[in-house]
Amino acid sequence: MTTLEVGTVVAERTVHLTRASLVRYAGASGDFNPIHFNDAVAERVGLPGVLAHGMLTMGLSVETIVEWLGDSGRILEYGVRFTRPVVVDSESGANVTVVAKVGAIDDDTVRIDLTVSHEGTTVLGKAQVRVRAAS
């Protein structure tokens, strides 16, 4: 890892989610809530459409820094606030964009701030990952 400065972008990517992505995640996680695959149920409970699982969004967001880290075992702590849902359209799906920047540095750890957005709207607030500094 190179010398870091606060504000440096260390990783970024866009992940395309489809309804098939949601079904696969439901199978892996055991979360079969119909708001994640059924338009009629989502509409009936007042949602804008079928939503990506919050934990799926959270997981794909932190995974963005794993290649940069070189070892996911360096992740010490990760937290987010869910601020907006990711609506996954049946035809076009949804793109989730993640930008990871250095937020703070000390002797032992680095805080990475994740900006996670869908259609220009932040979907995870205060998304921060504390990682062990490289030796």
C-alpha atoms as a PDB file:
ATOM      1  CA  MET A   1       0.000   0.000   0.000  1.00  0.00           C
ATOM      2  CA  THR A   2       1.290   3.475  -0.851  1.00  0.00           C
ATOM      3  CA  THR A   3       1.566   6.433   1.507  1.00  0.00           C
ATOM      4  CA  LEU A   4      -1.929   7.604   2.397  1.00  0.00           C
ATOM      5  CA  GLU A   5      -3.381  11.052   2.906  1.00  0.00           C
ATOM      6  CA  VAL A   6      -6.799  12.051   4.152  1.00  0.00           C
ATOM      7  CA  GLY A   7      -9.071  12.478   1.126  1.00  0.00           C
ATOM      8  CA  THR A   8      -7.270   9.963  -1.109  1.00  0.00           C
ATOM      9  CA  VAL A   9      -9.648   7.735  -3.077  1.00  0.00           C
ATOM     10  CA  VAL A  10      -8.441   4.168  -2.532  1.00  0.00           C
ATOM     11  CA  ALA A  11     -11.163   2.285  -4.441  1.00  0.00           C
ATOM     12  CA  GLU A  12     -14.347   2.821  -6.391  1.00  0.00           C
ATOM     13  CA  ARG A  13     -16.769   0.762  -8.399  1.00  0.00           C
ATOM     14  CA  THR A  14     -20.321   0.449  -9.613  1.00  0.00           C
ATOM     15  CA  VAL A  15     -22.272  -2.750  -9.010  1.00  0.00           C
ATOM     16  CA  HIS A  16     -25.280  -3.579 -11.179  1.00  0.00           C
ATOM     17  CA  LEU A  17     -28.043  -5.342  -9.264  1.00  0.00           C
ATOM     18  CA  THR A  18     -30.877  -7.233 -10.949  1.00  0.00           C
ATOM     19  CA  ARG A  19     -33.887  -9.044  -9.601  1.00  0.00           C
ATOM     20  CA  ALA A  20     -31.868 -12.247 -10.103  1.00  0.00           C
ATOM     21  CA  SER A  21     -29.178 -10.760  -7.803  1.00  0.00           C
ATOM     22  CA  LEU A  22     -31.836 -10.303  -5.120  1.00  0.00           C
ATOM     23  CA  VAL A  23     -33.094 -13.877  -5.488  1.00  0.00           C
ATOM     24  CA  ARG A  24     -29.547 -15.244  -5.204  1.00  0.00           C
ATOM     25  CA  TYR A  25     -28.910 -13.124  -2.122  1.00  0.00           C
ATOM     26  CA  ALA A  26     -32.208 -14.242  -0.576  1.00  0.00           C
ATOM     27  CA  GLY A  27     -31.155 -17.855  -1.032  1.00  0.00           C
ATOM     28  CA  ALA A  28     -27.740 -17.241   0.501  1.00  0.00           C
ATOM     29  CA  SER A  29     -29.013 -15.163   3.428  1.00  0.00           C
ATOM     30  CA  GLY A  30     -32.339 -16.851   4.091  1.00  0.00           C
ATOM     31  CA  ASP A  31     -34.126 -13.479   3.864  1.00  0.00           C
ATOM     32  CA  PHE A  32     -37.159 -14.240   1.703  1.00  0.00           C
ATOM     33  CA  ASN A  33     -39.192 -11.167   2.641  1.00  0.00           C
ATOM     34  CA  PRO A  34     -41.375 -10.563  -0.453  1.00  0.00           C
ATOM     35  CA  ILE A  35     -40.509  -6.833  -0.547  1.00  0.00           C
ATOM     36  CA  HIS A  36     -37.247  -8.020  -2.118  1.00  0.00           C
ATOM     37  CA  PHE A  37     -38.873  -9.788  -5.090  1.00  0.00           C
ATOM     38  CA  ASN A  38     -42.614  -9.069  -5.363  1.00  0.00           C
ATOM     39  CA  ASP A  39     -43.807  -5.749  -6.813  1.00  0.00           C
ATOM     40  CA  ALA A  40     -47.374  -6.158  -5.544  1.00  0.00           C
ATOM     41  CA  VAL A  41     -46.261  -6.749  -1.957  1.00  0.00           C
ATOM     42  CA  ALA A  42     -43.797  -3.845  -2.074  1.00  0.00           C
ATOM     43  CA  GLU A  43     -46.523  -1.554  -3.401  1.00  0.00           C
ATOM     44  CA  ARG A  44     -49.077  -2.791  -0.858  1.00  0.00           C
ATOM     45  CA  VAL A  45     -46.795  -1.847   2.049  1.00  0.00           C
ATOM     46  CA  GLY A  46     -46.106   1.592   0.586  1.00  0.00           C
ATOM     47  CA  LEU A  47     -42.656   1.074  -0.879  1.00  0.00           C
ATOM     48  CA  PRO A  48     -41.553   2.672  -4.172  1.00  0.00           C
ATOM     49  CA  GLY A  49     -40.775  -0.795  -5.581  1.00  0.00           C
ATOM     50  CA  VAL A  50     -38.822  -3.955  -4.882  1.00  0.00           C
ATOM     51  CA  LEU A  51     -35.869  -3.149  -2.633  1.00  0.00           C
ATOM     52  CA  ALA A  52     -32.380  -4.593  -2.465  1.00  0.00           C
ATOM     53  CA  HIS A  53     -31.645  -6.180   0.908  1.00  0.00           C
ATOM     54  CA  GLY A  54     -29.939  -3.681   3.198  1.00  0.00           C
ATOM     55  CA  MET A  55     -27.285  -6.215   4.136  1.00  0.00           C
ATOM     56  CA  LEU A  56     -26.597  -6.886   0.444  1.00  0.00           C
ATOM     57  CA  THR A  57     -25.987  -3.181  -0.112  1.00  0.00           C
ATOM     58  CA  MET A  58     -23.826  -3.020   3.004  1.00  0.00           C
ATOM     59  CA  GLY A  59     -21.811  -6.085   1.978  1.00  0.00           C
ATOM     60  CA  LEU A  60     -21.133  -5.037  -1.602  1.00  0.00           C
ATOM     61  CA  SER A  61     -20.073  -1.635  -0.322  1.00  0.00           C
ATOM     62  CA  VAL A  62     -17.374  -2.861   2.064  1.00  0.00           C
ATOM     63  CA  GLU A  63     -16.217  -5.463  -0.463  1.00  0.00           C
ATOM     64  CA  THR A  64     -15.129  -2.542  -2.648  1.00  0.00           C
ATOM     65  CA  ILE A  65     -11.993  -2.011  -0.508  1.00  0.00           C
ATOM     66  CA  VAL A  66     -10.916  -5.657  -0.196  1.00  0.00           C
ATOM     67  CA  GLU A  67      -8.651  -5.667  -3.273  1.00  0.00           C
ATOM     68  CA  TRP A  68      -6.987  -2.443  -2.108  1.00  0.00           C
ATOM     69  CA  LEU A  69      -6.505  -3.903   1.385  1.00  0.00           C
ATOM     70  CA  GLY A  70      -5.070  -7.154   0.065  1.00  0.00           C
ATOM     71  CA  ASP A  71      -6.445  -8.966   3.117  1.00  0.00           C
ATOM     72  CA  SER A  72     -10.028  -8.646   4.358  1.00  0.00           C
ATOM     73  CA  GLY A  73      -8.725  -9.706   7.783  1.00  0.00           C
ATOM     74  CA  ARG A  74      -7.415  -6.150   8.187  1.00  0.00           C
ATOM     75  CA  ILE A  75     -10.999  -4.906   8.592  1.00  0.00           C
ATOM     76  CA  LEU A  76     -11.499  -4.172  12.282  1.00  0.00           C
ATOM     77  CA  GLU A  77     -14.881  -2.452  12.322  1.00  0.00           C
ATOM     78  CA  TYR A  78     -17.606  -1.494   9.856  1.00  0.00           C
ATOM     79  CA  GLY A  79     -20.805   0.446  10.378  1.00  0.00           C
ATOM     80  CA  VAL A  80     -23.439   2.257   8.355  1.00  0.00           C
ATOM     81  CA  ARG A  81     -26.753   4.036   8.671  1.00  0.00           C
ATOM     82  CA  PHE A  82     -29.395   2.971   6.174  1.00  0.00           C
ATOM     83  CA  THR A  83     -30.681   6.267   4.766  1.00  0.00           C
ATOM     84  CA  ARG A  84     -32.483   5.375   1.515  1.00  0.00           C
ATOM     85  CA  PRO A  85     -33.530   2.103  -0.094  1.00  0.00           C
ATOM     86  CA  VAL A  86     -32.113   0.803  -3.365  1.00  0.00           C
ATOM     87  CA  VAL A  87     -35.088   0.199  -5.654  1.00  0.00           C
ATOM     88  CA  VAL A  88     -34.338  -2.562  -8.177  1.00  0.00           C
ATOM     89  CA  ASP A  89     -36.420  -2.153 -11.325  1.00  0.00           C
ATOM     90  CA  SER A  90     -37.619  -5.376 -12.952  1.00  0.00           C
ATOM     91  CA  GLU A  91     -36.277  -4.292 -16.362  1.00  0.00           C
ATOM     92  CA  SER A  92     -33.274  -2.048 -15.781  1.00  0.00           C
ATOM     93  CA  GLY A  93     -32.108  -3.219 -12.352  1.00  0.00           C
ATOM     94  CA  ALA A  94     -30.151  -0.748 -10.244  1.00  0.00           C
ATOM     95  CA  ASN A  95     -26.600   0.572 -10.147  1.00  0.00           C
ATOM     96  CA  VAL A  96     -24.975   1.107  -6.767  1.00  0.00           C
ATOM     97  CA  THR A  97     -21.830   3.257  -6.843  1.00  0.00           C
ATOM     98  CA  VAL A  98     -19.244   3.103  -4.075  1.00  0.00           C
ATOM     99  CA  VAL A  99     -16.347   5.519  -3.592  1.00  0.00           C
ATOM    100  CA  ALA A 100     -13.875   4.763  -0.779  1.00  0.00           C
ATOM    101  CA  LYS A 101     -11.757   7.618   0.595  1.00  0.00           C
ATOM    102  CA  VAL A 102      -9.325   7.885   3.453  1.00  0.00           C
ATOM    103  CA  GLY A 103     -11.162   9.708   6.234  1.00  0.00           C
ATOM    104  CA  ALA A 104      -8.614   9.589   9.056  1.00  0.00           C
ATOM    105  CA  ILE A 105      -5.211   8.094   9.791  1.00  0.00           C
ATOM    106  CA  ASP A 106      -3.495   7.254  13.057  1.00  0.00           C
ATOM    107  CA  ASP A 107      -0.524   5.080  13.982  1.00  0.00           C
ATOM    108  CA  ASP A 108      -2.414   1.778  14.015  1.00  0.00           C
ATOM    109  CA  THR A 109      -5.578   2.262  11.950  1.00  0.00           C
ATOM    110  CA  VAL A 110      -7.026   3.977   8.924  1.00  0.00           C
ATOM    111  CA  ARG A 111     -10.664   5.039   8.650  1.00  0.00           C
ATOM    112  CA  ILE A 112     -12.132   4.612   5.196  1.00  0.00           C
ATOM    113  CA  ASP A 113     -15.278   6.600   4.433  1.00  0.00           C
ATOM    114  CA  LEU A 114     -17.583   5.020   1.862  1.00  0.00           C
ATOM    115  CA  THR A 115     -19.920   7.119  -0.248  1.00  0.00           C
ATOM    116  CA  VAL A 116     -22.624   4.732  -1.448  1.00  0.00           C
ATOM    117  CA  SER A 117     -25.197   6.001  -3.916  1.00  0.00           C
ATOM    118  CA  HIS A 118     -27.970   4.924  -6.264  1.00  0.00           C
ATOM    119  CA  GLU A 119     -29.260   7.304  -8.947  1.00  0.00           C
ATOM    120  CA  GLY A 120     -27.289  10.142  -7.375  1.00  0.00           C
ATOM    121  CA  THR A 121     -28.826   9.653  -3.917  1.00  0.00           C
ATOM    122  CA  THR A 122     -26.806   8.495  -0.910  1.00  0.00           C
ATOM    123  CA  VAL A 123     -28.195   5.177   0.332  1.00  0.00           C
ATOM    124  CA  LEU A 124     -25.820   4.478   3.224  1.00  0.00           C
ATOM    125  CA  GLY A 125     -24.992   7.253   5.648  1.00  0.00           C
ATOM    126  CA  LYS A 126     -21.917   7.375   7.844  1.00  0.00           C
ATOM    127  CA  ALA A 127     -20.531   4.290   6.114  1.00  0.00           C
ATOM    128  CA  GLN A 128     -17.125   3.900   7.729  1.00  0.00           C
ATOM    129  CA  VAL A 129     -14.609   1.069   7.838  1.00  0.00           C
ATOM    130  CA  ARG A 130     -11.780   0.999  10.332  1.00  0.00           C
ATOM    131  CA  VAL A 131      -8.849  -1.057   9.057  1.00  0.00           C
ATOM    132  CA  ARG A 132      -5.513  -2.061  10.509  1.00  0.00           C
ATOM    133  CA  ALA A 133      -2.757   0.073   8.987  1.00  0.00           C
ATOM    134  CA  ALA A 134      -0.336  -1.683   6.667  1.00  0.00           C
ATOM    135  CA  SER A 135       2.940  -2.748   8.264  1.00  0.00           C
END
